[in-house]
Amino acid sequence: MNKEQVGGDHYRDMAIEPWEYAEANGLSFLQGNIIKYVSRYKSKGGVQDLKKAKHCIDLLISIYPPESDHPDFV
């Protein structure tokens, strides 16, 4: 499936694609998107992708239980 990419080739030169990393590590949707946007910003979206990653981080922080310092909540 990695030989077929819809909408560009910004993941082709990566040793491991963001979706593979996210799946192999059981990441949430937001965590996977953060990895995706940070991984591709130089070859696709530039600062726009970094802003998308930041937005996902802000969303993740917003759902983090304030009484918990442990990241296993997601």
PDB file of N, CA and C in Angstrom:
ATOM      1  N   MET A   1       0.817  -1.208   0.000  1.00  0.00           N
ATOM      2  CA  MET A   1       0.000   0.000   0.000  1.00  0.00           C
ATOM      3  C   MET A   1       0.856   1.265   0.000  1.00  0.00           C
ATOM      4  N   ASN A   2       2.073   1.205   0.507  1.00  0.00           N
ATOM      5  CA  ASN A   2       2.903   2.402   0.568  1.00  0.00           C
ATOM      6  C   ASN A   2       3.357   2.876  -0.800  1.00  0.00           C
ATOM      7  N   LYS A   3       3.246   2.025  -1.807  1.00  0.00           N
ATOM      8  CA  LYS A   3       3.628   2.435  -3.159  1.00  0.00           C
ATOM      9  C   LYS A   3       2.598   3.367  -3.772  1.00  0.00           C
ATOM     10  N   GLU A   4       1.401   3.359  -3.229  1.00  0.00           N
ATOM     11  CA  GLU A   4       0.334   4.219  -3.732  1.00  0.00           C
ATOM     12  C   GLU A   4       0.068   5.326  -2.726  1.00  0.00           C
ATOM     13  N   GLN A   5       0.268   6.571  -3.157  1.00  0.00           N
ATOM     14  CA  GLN A   5      -0.033   7.707  -2.299  1.00  0.00           C
ATOM     15  C   GLN A   5      -0.901   8.666  -3.084  1.00  0.00           C
ATOM     16  N   VAL A   6      -2.028   8.991  -2.544  1.00  0.00           N
ATOM     17  CA  VAL A   6      -2.958   9.914  -3.185  1.00  0.00           C
ATOM     18  C   VAL A   6      -2.597  11.324  -2.762  1.00  0.00           C
ATOM     19  N   GLY A   7      -2.414  12.213  -3.725  1.00  0.00           N
ATOM     20  CA  GLY A   7      -2.212  13.622  -3.414  1.00  0.00           C
ATOM     21  C   GLY A   7      -0.785  14.068  -3.159  1.00  0.00           C
ATOM     22  N   GLY A   8       0.191  13.422  -3.737  1.00  0.00           N
ATOM     23  CA  GLY A   8       1.566  13.889  -3.578  1.00  0.00           C
ATOM     24  C   GLY A   8       2.529  12.772  -3.228  1.00  0.00           C
ATOM     25  N   ASP A   9       3.784  13.153  -3.028  1.00  0.00           N
ATOM     26  CA  ASP A   9       4.798  12.147  -2.702  1.00  0.00           C
ATOM     27  C   ASP A   9       5.633  12.553  -1.484  1.00  0.00           C
ATOM     28  N   HIS A  10       5.060  13.343  -0.606  1.00  0.00           N
ATOM     29  CA  HIS A  10       5.783  13.884   0.546  1.00  0.00           C
ATOM     30  C   HIS A  10       6.150  12.839   1.600  1.00  0.00           C
ATOM     31  N   TYR A  11       5.634  11.616   1.505  1.00  0.00           N
ATOM     32  CA  TYR A  11       5.999  10.572   2.465  1.00  0.00           C
ATOM     33  C   TYR A  11       6.965   9.550   1.868  1.00  0.00           C
ATOM     34  N   ARG A  12       7.176   9.588   0.590  1.00  0.00           N
ATOM     35  CA  ARG A  12       7.948   8.550  -0.112  1.00  0.00           C
ATOM     36  C   ARG A  12       9.377   8.396   0.374  1.00  0.00           C
ATOM     37  N   ASP A  13      10.040   9.462   0.728  1.00  0.00           N
ATOM     38  CA  ASP A  13      11.443   9.396   1.114  1.00  0.00           C
ATOM     39  C   ASP A  13      11.661   9.090   2.597  1.00  0.00           C
ATOM     40  N   MET A  14      10.580   8.888   3.333  1.00  0.00           N
ATOM     41  CA  MET A  14      10.706   8.605   4.764  1.00  0.00           C
ATOM     42  C   MET A  14      11.018   7.131   4.987  1.00  0.00           C
ATOM     43  N   ALA A  15      11.834   6.852   5.986  1.00  0.00           N
ATOM     44  CA  ALA A  15      12.177   5.470   6.324  1.00  0.00           C
ATOM     45  C   ALA A  15      10.946   4.694   6.780  1.00  0.00           C
ATOM     46  N   ILE A  16      10.061   5.371   7.486  1.00  0.00           N
ATOM     47  CA  ILE A  16       8.795   4.795   7.918  1.00  0.00           C
ATOM     48  C   ILE A  16       7.744   5.884   7.794  1.00  0.00           C
ATOM     49  N   GLU A  17       6.597   5.543   7.230  1.00  0.00           N
ATOM     50  CA  GLU A  17       5.546   6.543   7.051  1.00  0.00           C
ATOM     51  C   GLU A  17       4.846   6.823   8.378  1.00  0.00           C
ATOM     52  N   PRO A  18       4.340   8.051   8.534  1.00  0.00           N
ATOM     53  CA  PRO A  18       3.681   8.409   9.793  1.00  0.00           C
ATOM     54  C   PRO A  18       2.564   7.448  10.203  1.00  0.00           C
ATOM     55  N   TRP A  19       1.780   6.987   9.246  1.00  0.00           N
ATOM     56  CA  TRP A  19       0.679   6.069   9.602  1.00  0.00           C
ATOM     57  C   TRP A  19       1.221   4.758  10.162  1.00  0.00           C
ATOM     58  N   GLU A  20       2.348   4.279   9.611  1.00  0.00           N
ATOM     59  CA  GLU A  20       2.946   3.038  10.104  1.00  0.00           C
ATOM     60  C   GLU A  20       3.423   3.211  11.547  1.00  0.00           C
ATOM     61  N   TYR A  21       4.076   4.331  11.804  1.00  0.00           N
ATOM     62  CA  TYR A  21       4.564   4.621  13.151  1.00  0.00           C
ATOM     63  C   TYR A  21       3.402   4.713  14.138  1.00  0.00           C
ATOM     64  N   ALA A  22       2.360   5.449  13.754  1.00  0.00           N
ATOM     65  CA  ALA A  22       1.206   5.643  14.627  1.00  0.00           C
ATOM     66  C   ALA A  22       0.523   4.314  14.940  1.00  0.00           C
ATOM     67  N   GLU A  23       0.302   3.505  13.924  1.00  0.00           N
ATOM     68  CA  GLU A  23      -0.354   2.210  14.124  1.00  0.00           C
ATOM     69  C   GLU A  23       0.492   1.278  14.984  1.00  0.00           C
ATOM     70  N   ALA A  24       1.799   1.201  14.684  1.00  0.00           N
ATOM     71  CA  ALA A  24       2.694   0.302  15.419  1.00  0.00           C
ATOM     72  C   ALA A  24       2.806   0.669  16.887  1.00  0.00           C
ATOM     73  N   ASN A  25       2.559   1.940  17.204  1.00  0.00           N
ATOM     74  CA  ASN A  25       2.703   2.411  18.575  1.00  0.00           C
ATOM     75  C   ASN A  25       1.383   2.704  19.267  1.00  0.00           C
ATOM     76  N   GLY A  26       0.264   2.353  18.631  1.00  0.00           N
ATOM     77  CA  GLY A  26      -1.049   2.515  19.251  1.00  0.00           C
ATOM     78  C   GLY A  26      -1.406   3.951  19.581  1.00  0.00           C
ATOM     79  N   LEU A  27      -1.011   4.883  18.713  1.00  0.00           N
ATOM     80  CA  LEU A  27      -1.279   6.297  18.978  1.00  0.00           C
ATOM     81  C   LEU A  27      -2.726   6.654  18.682  1.00  0.00           C
ATOM     82  N   SER A  28      -3.205   7.666  19.370  1.00  0.00           N
ATOM     83  CA  SER A  28      -4.556   8.173  19.123  1.00  0.00           C
ATOM     84  C   SER A  28      -4.581   8.961  17.808  1.00  0.00           C
ATOM     85  N   PHE A  29      -5.756   9.341  17.378  1.00  0.00           N
ATOM     86  CA  PHE A  29      -5.924  10.141  16.164  1.00  0.00           C
ATOM     87  C   PHE A  29      -5.122  11.438  16.253  1.00  0.00           C
ATOM     88  N   LEU A  30      -5.253  12.142  17.364  1.00  0.00           N
ATOM     89  CA  LEU A  30      -4.530  13.407  17.524  1.00  0.00           C
ATOM     90  C   LEU A  30      -3.019  13.182  17.536  1.00  0.00           C
ATOM     91  N   GLN A  31      -2.565  12.177  18.237  1.00  0.00           N
ATOM     92  CA  GLN A  31      -1.130  11.887  18.285  1.00  0.00           C
ATOM     93  C   GLN A  31      -0.601  11.547  16.888  1.00  0.00           C
ATOM     94  N   GLY A  32      -1.353  10.747  16.154  1.00  0.00           N
ATOM     95  CA  GLY A  32      -0.954  10.396  14.791  1.00  0.00           C
ATOM     96  C   GLY A  32      -0.888  11.598  13.878  1.00  0.00           C
ATOM     97  N   ASN A  33      -1.850  12.500  14.025  1.00  0.00           N
ATOM     98  CA  ASN A  33      -1.839  13.714  13.208  1.00  0.00           C
ATOM     99  C   ASN A  33      -0.651  14.608  13.540  1.00  0.00           C
ATOM    100  N   ILE A  34      -0.290  14.691  14.800  1.00  0.00           N
ATOM    101  CA  ILE A  34       0.879  15.480  15.192  1.00  0.00           C
ATOM    102  C   ILE A  34       2.124  14.928  14.501  1.00  0.00           C
ATOM    103  N   ILE A  35       2.295  13.613  14.554  1.00  0.00           N
ATOM    104  CA  ILE A  35       3.436  12.969  13.893  1.00  0.00           C
ATOM    105  C   ILE A  35       3.400  13.252  12.394  1.00  0.00           C
ATOM    106  N   LYS A  36       2.235  13.126  11.791  1.00  0.00           N
ATOM    107  CA  LYS A  36       2.077  13.340  10.351  1.00  0.00           C
ATOM    108  C   LYS A  36       2.473  14.758   9.955  1.00  0.00           C
ATOM    109  N   TYR A  37       1.916  15.746  10.625  1.00  0.00           N
ATOM    110  CA  TYR A  37       2.176  17.140  10.246  1.00  0.00           C
ATOM    111  C   TYR A  37       3.626  17.544  10.469  1.00  0.00           C
ATOM    112  N   VAL A  38       4.217  17.116  11.582  1.00  0.00           N
ATOM    113  CA  VAL A  38       5.608  17.464  11.853  1.00  0.00           C
ATOM    114  C   VAL A  38       6.540  16.751  10.867  1.00  0.00           C
ATOM    115  N   SER A  39       6.190  15.532  10.491  1.00  0.00           N
ATOM    116  CA  SER A  39       7.025  14.768   9.569  1.00  0.00           C
ATOM    117  C   SER A  39       7.053  15.344   8.160  1.00  0.00           C
ATOM    118  N   ARG A  40       5.963  15.954   7.747  1.00  0.00           N
ATOM    119  CA  ARG A  40       5.870  16.384   6.350  1.00  0.00           C
ATOM    120  C   ARG A  40       6.026  17.882   6.115  1.00  0.00           C
ATOM    121  N   TYR A  41       6.164  18.686   7.162  1.00  0.00           N
ATOM    122  CA  TYR A  41       6.089  20.126   6.976  1.00  0.00           C
ATOM    123  C   TYR A  41       7.123  20.672   5.995  1.00  0.00           C
ATOM    124  N   LYS A  42       8.321  20.096   5.950  1.00  0.00           N
ATOM    125  CA  LYS A  42       9.348  20.609   5.042  1.00  0.00           C
ATOM    126  C   LYS A  42       9.043  20.299   3.579  1.00  0.00           C
ATOM    127  N   SER A  43       8.357  19.198   3.316  1.00  0.00           N
ATOM    128  CA  SER A  43       8.124  18.786   1.933  1.00  0.00           C
ATOM    129  C   SER A  43       6.707  19.046   1.449  1.00  0.00           C
ATOM    130  N   LYS A  44       5.821  19.517   2.326  1.00  0.00           N
ATOM    131  CA  LYS A  44       4.445  19.749   1.877  1.00  0.00           C
ATOM    132  C   LYS A  44       3.900  21.091   2.331  1.00  0.00           C
ATOM    133  N   GLY A  45       3.542  21.211   3.595  1.00  0.00           N
ATOM    134  CA  GLY A  45       2.755  22.353   4.022  1.00  0.00           C
ATOM    135  C   GLY A  45       3.493  23.492   4.691  1.00  0.00           C
ATOM    136  N   GLY A  46       4.785  23.345   4.953  1.00  0.00           N
ATOM    137  CA  GLY A  46       5.541  24.408   5.603  1.00  0.00           C
ATOM    138  C   GLY A  46       4.962  24.780   6.956  1.00  0.00           C
ATOM    139  N   VAL A  47       4.957  26.064   7.233  1.00  0.00           N
ATOM    140  CA  VAL A  47       4.472  26.566   8.526  1.00  0.00           C
ATOM    141  C   VAL A  47       3.016  26.183   8.757  1.00  0.00           C
ATOM    142  N   GLN A  48       2.232  26.082   7.701  1.00  0.00           N
ATOM    143  CA  GLN A  48       0.822  25.677   7.825  1.00  0.00           C
ATOM    144  C   GLN A  48       0.712  24.309   8.514  1.00  0.00           C
ATOM    145  N   ASP A  49       1.574  23.364   8.131  1.00  0.00           N
ATOM    146  CA  ASP A  49       1.552  22.057   8.771  1.00  0.00           C
ATOM    147  C   ASP A  49       1.996  22.134  10.221  1.00  0.00           C
ATOM    148  N   LEU A  50       2.959  22.991  10.527  1.00  0.00           N
ATOM    149  CA  LEU A  50       3.364  23.164  11.919  1.00  0.00           C
ATOM    150  C   LEU A  50       2.225  23.753  12.750  1.00  0.00           C
ATOM    151  N   LYS A  51       1.460  24.657  12.165  1.00  0.00           N
ATOM    152  CA  LYS A  51       0.295  25.219  12.862  1.00  0.00           C
ATOM    153  C   LYS A  51      -0.769  24.147  13.079  1.00  0.00           C
ATOM    154  N   LYS A  52      -0.936  23.246  12.106  1.00  0.00           N
ATOM    155  CA  LYS A  52      -1.884  22.138  12.267  1.00  0.00           C
ATOM    156  C   LYS A  52      -1.429  21.225  13.401  1.00  0.00           C
ATOM    157  N   ALA A  53      -0.122  20.935  13.458  1.00  0.00           N
ATOM    158  CA  ALA A  53       0.412  20.105  14.542  1.00  0.00           C
ATOM    159  C   ALA A  53       0.183  20.780  15.885  1.00  0.00           C
ATOM    160  N   LYS A  54       0.426  22.084  15.947  1.00  0.00           N
ATOM    161  CA  LYS A  54       0.219  22.834  17.183  1.00  0.00           C
ATOM    162  C   LYS A  54      -1.249  22.794  17.612  1.00  0.00           C
ATOM    163  N   HIS A  55      -2.137  22.908  16.641  1.00  0.00           N
ATOM    164  CA  HIS A  55      -3.568  22.837  16.940  1.00  0.00           C
ATOM    165  C   HIS A  55      -3.915  21.468  17.544  1.00  0.00           C
ATOM    166  N   CYS A  56      -3.367  20.409  16.961  1.00  0.00           N
ATOM    167  CA  CYS A  56      -3.608  19.070  17.506  1.00  0.00           C
ATOM    168  C   CYS A  56      -3.029  18.929  18.906  1.00  0.00           C
ATOM    169  N   ILE A  57      -1.866  19.516  19.147  1.00  0.00           N
ATOM    170  CA  ILE A  57      -1.278  19.494  20.486  1.00  0.00           C
ATOM    171  C   ILE A  57      -2.176  20.248  21.459  1.00  0.00           C
ATOM    172  N   ASP A  58      -2.679  21.406  21.042  1.00  0.00           N
ATOM    173  CA  ASP A  58      -3.579  22.176  21.905  1.00  0.00           C
ATOM    174  C   ASP A  58      -4.849  21.383  22.217  1.00  0.00           C
ATOM    175  N   LEU A  59      -5.383  20.672  21.222  1.00  0.00           N
ATOM    176  CA  LEU A  59      -6.565  19.831  21.458  1.00  0.00           C
ATOM    177  C   LEU A  59      -6.239  18.723  22.452  1.00  0.00           C
ATOM    178  N   LEU A  60      -5.089  18.103  22.286  1.00  0.00           N
ATOM    179  CA  LEU A  60      -4.673  17.028  23.189  1.00  0.00           C
ATOM    180  C   LEU A  60      -4.526  17.555  24.614  1.00  0.00           C
ATOM    181  N   ILE A  61      -3.927  18.722  24.753  1.00  0.00           N
ATOM    182  CA  ILE A  61      -3.792  19.342  26.077  1.00  0.00           C
ATOM    183  C   ILE A  61      -5.168  19.636  26.671  1.00  0.00           C
ATOM    184  N   SER A  62      -6.108  20.074  25.841  1.00  0.00           N
ATOM    185  CA  SER A  62      -7.434  20.449  26.344  1.00  0.00           C
ATOM    186  C   SER A  62      -8.212  19.261  26.894  1.00  0.00           C
ATOM    187  N   ILE A  63      -7.895  18.053  26.437  1.00  0.00           N
ATOM    188  CA  ILE A  63      -8.608  16.888  26.954  1.00  0.00           C
ATOM    189  C   ILE A  63      -7.814  16.152  28.033  1.00  0.00           C
ATOM    190  N   TYR A  64      -6.620  16.639  28.337  1.00  0.00           N
ATOM    191  CA  TYR A  64      -5.783  16.048  29.367  1.00  0.00           C
ATOM    192  C   TYR A  64      -6.400  16.336  30.728  1.00  0.00           C
ATOM    193  N   PRO A  65      -6.649  15.310  31.518  1.00  0.00           N
ATOM    194  CA  PRO A  65      -7.249  15.563  32.836  1.00  0.00           C
ATOM    195  C   PRO A  65      -6.337  16.439  33.692  1.00  0.00           C
ATOM    196  N   PRO A  66      -6.832  17.568  34.181  1.00  0.00           N
ATOM    197  CA  PRO A  66      -5.988  18.487  34.941  1.00  0.00           C
ATOM    198  C   PRO A  66      -5.410  17.876  36.212  1.00  0.00           C
ATOM    199  N   GLU A  67      -6.076  16.884  36.788  1.00  0.00           N
ATOM    200  CA  GLU A  67      -5.588  16.283  38.026  1.00  0.00           C
ATOM    201  C   GLU A  67      -4.544  15.198  37.780  1.00  0.00           C
ATOM    202  N   SER A  68      -4.265  14.920  36.522  1.00  0.00           N
ATOM    203  CA  SER A  68      -3.346  13.832  36.200  1.00  0.00           C
ATOM    204  C   SER A  68      -2.061  14.347  35.561  1.00  0.00           C
ATOM    205  N   ASP A  69      -0.937  13.857  36.025  1.00  0.00           N
ATOM    206  CA  ASP A  69       0.339  14.167  35.398  1.00  0.00           C
ATOM    207  C   ASP A  69       0.825  13.003  34.553  1.00  0.00           C
ATOM    208  N   HIS A  70       0.019  11.967  34.455  1.00  0.00           N
ATOM    209  CA  HIS A  70       0.432  10.763  33.735  1.00  0.00           C
ATOM    210  C   HIS A  70      -0.164  10.763  32.331  1.00  0.00           C
ATOM    211  N   PRO A  71       0.652  10.551  31.295  1.00  0.00           N
ATOM    212  CA  PRO A  71       0.174  10.640  29.914  1.00  0.00           C
ATOM    213  C   PRO A  71      -0.607   9.433  29.412  1.00  0.00           C
ATOM    214  N   ASP A  72      -0.899   8.456  30.260  1.00  0.00           N
ATOM    215  CA  ASP A  72      -1.608   7.276  29.793  1.00  0.00           C
ATOM    216  C   ASP A  72      -3.125   7.451  29.686  1.00  0.00           C
ATOM    217  N   PHE A  73      -3.598   8.658  29.808  1.00  0.00           N
ATOM    218  CA  PHE A  73      -5.043   8.874  29.773  1.00  0.00           C
ATOM    219  C   PHE A  73      -5.629   8.649  28.397  1.00  0.00           C
ATOM    220  N   VAL A  74      -4.831   8.780  27.340  1.00  0.00           N
ATOM    221  CA  VAL A  74      -5.358   8.625  25.974  1.00  0.00           C
ATOM    222  C   VAL A  74      -4.962   7.269  25.448  1.00  0.00           C
TER     223      VAL A  74
END
